[in-house]
Amino acid sequence: DHHVNYGSGSGLQDRVAFVQNDPSQYDASIRLADLQVSDTGTYQCRVKKNTVAVHEVIVTVEEKPAPPQCWAEGEVIEGSSVVLRCYSQ
């Protein structure tokens, strides 16, 4: 039907668009810009020509990890062993 249904309160209105200007030319692909963790969910593509075809895609957006904090445990002495620890929230 040449439109995107954004769902209620999704905040996608300014970030979703068809890849091709005219989806009736057999490409109803959409582009999600500036992905956010809140965009995680099930997306449905419904294409209607002579019949209706529906396909669902589950999108999972994960947060970028925080920069790790790293340190050496114990004294760093040439020829001995050392334990390197790294932690990220």
Protein backbone atom coordinates (compact mmCIF):
# COMPACT_ATOMS: atom_id res chain seq x y z
CA ASP A 1 0.00 0.00 0.00
CA HIS A 2 3.05 2.29 -0.39
CA HIS A 3 3.28 3.12 3.31
CA VAL A 4 5.10 2.07 6.46
CA ASN A 5 3.11 1.35 9.61
CA TYR A 6 5.33 2.46 12.47
CA GLY A 7 3.33 1.03 15.36
CA SER A 8 2.30 3.07 18.35
CA GLY A 9 4.88 5.31 20.00
CA SER A 10 7.81 3.60 18.33
CA GLY A 11 9.80 6.73 17.44
CA LEU A 12 10.63 5.26 14.01
CA GLN A 13 8.89 7.88 11.86
CA ASP A 14 12.05 9.83 11.06
CA ARG A 15 14.33 6.78 10.82
CA VAL A 16 12.52 4.35 8.50
CA ALA A 17 12.22 4.67 4.74
CA PHE A 18 11.79 2.46 1.71
CA VAL A 19 15.11 1.61 0.04
CA GLN A 20 13.56 2.26 -3.40
CA ASN A 21 11.40 5.34 -3.92
CA ASP A 22 8.59 3.28 -5.44
CA PRO A 23 8.00 -0.01 -3.60
CA SER A 24 5.48 -1.08 -6.26
CA GLN A 25 8.50 -1.88 -8.46
CA TYR A 26 8.91 -5.19 -6.59
CA ASP A 27 11.28 -4.01 -3.85
CA ALA A 28 9.57 -3.12 -0.58
CA SER A 29 12.80 -3.22 1.43
CA ILE A 30 13.10 -0.70 4.24
CA ARG A 31 16.12 0.92 5.86
CA LEU A 32 16.27 1.48 9.62
CA ALA A 33 18.61 4.39 10.37
CA ASP A 34 20.33 5.17 13.67
CA LEU A 35 19.47 1.84 15.32
CA GLN A 36 18.66 1.94 19.01
CA VAL A 37 18.24 -0.80 21.60
CA SER A 38 14.54 0.11 21.74
CA ASP A 39 14.22 -0.90 18.04
CA THR A 40 14.52 -4.56 19.06
CA GLY A 41 11.38 -6.37 17.99
CA THR A 42 9.54 -8.21 15.26
CA TYR A 43 9.19 -6.41 11.94
CA GLN A 44 6.69 -7.53 9.36
CA CYS A 45 6.76 -7.03 5.61
CA ARG A 46 3.37 -7.35 3.93
CA VAL A 47 3.41 -7.19 0.14
CA LYS A 48 0.17 -7.21 -1.83
CA LYS A 49 -0.01 -7.63 -5.58
CA ASN A 50 -2.48 -10.32 -6.67
CA THR A 51 -2.18 -12.07 -3.31
CA VAL A 52 -0.78 -11.06 0.06
CA ALA A 53 2.65 -12.29 1.16
CA VAL A 54 3.79 -11.71 4.73
CA HIS A 55 7.26 -12.22 6.18
CA GLU A 56 8.43 -11.45 9.70
CA VAL A 57 11.98 -10.63 10.75
CA ILE A 58 13.16 -10.50 14.35
CA VAL A 59 15.67 -7.70 14.91
CA THR A 60 17.82 -7.64 18.04
CA VAL A 61 19.83 -4.49 18.68
CA GLU A 62 22.50 -4.81 21.34
CA GLU A 63 24.30 -2.02 23.14
CA LYS A 64 27.85 -1.26 22.23
CA PRO A 65 30.00 -2.42 25.15
CA ALA A 66 31.62 0.16 27.39
CA PRO A 67 35.37 0.60 26.94
CA PRO A 68 37.16 -2.01 29.06
CA GLN A 69 39.14 -1.20 32.16
CA CYS A 70 42.38 -3.18 32.17
CA TRP A 71 45.14 -3.65 34.71
CA ALA A 72 47.99 -5.96 35.67
CA GLU A 73 47.82 -7.95 38.90
CA GLY A 74 51.04 -8.26 40.79
CA GLU A 75 54.46 -6.92 40.04
CA VAL A 76 55.58 -6.81 36.44
CA ILE A 77 59.08 -8.25 36.54
CA GLU A 78 60.99 -9.40 33.48
CA GLY A 79 61.02 -13.20 33.23
CA SER A 80 58.09 -13.74 35.63
CA SER A 81 54.40 -14.35 34.98
CA VAL A 82 51.78 -11.64 35.16
CA VAL A 83 47.96 -11.68 35.16
CA LEU A 84 46.26 -9.12 32.95
CA ARG A 85 42.63 -8.38 33.89
CA CYS A 86 40.03 -6.60 31.79
CA TYR A 87 36.46 -5.72 32.74
CA SER A 88 33.64 -4.02 30.88
CA GLN A 89 30.19 -3.10 32.15
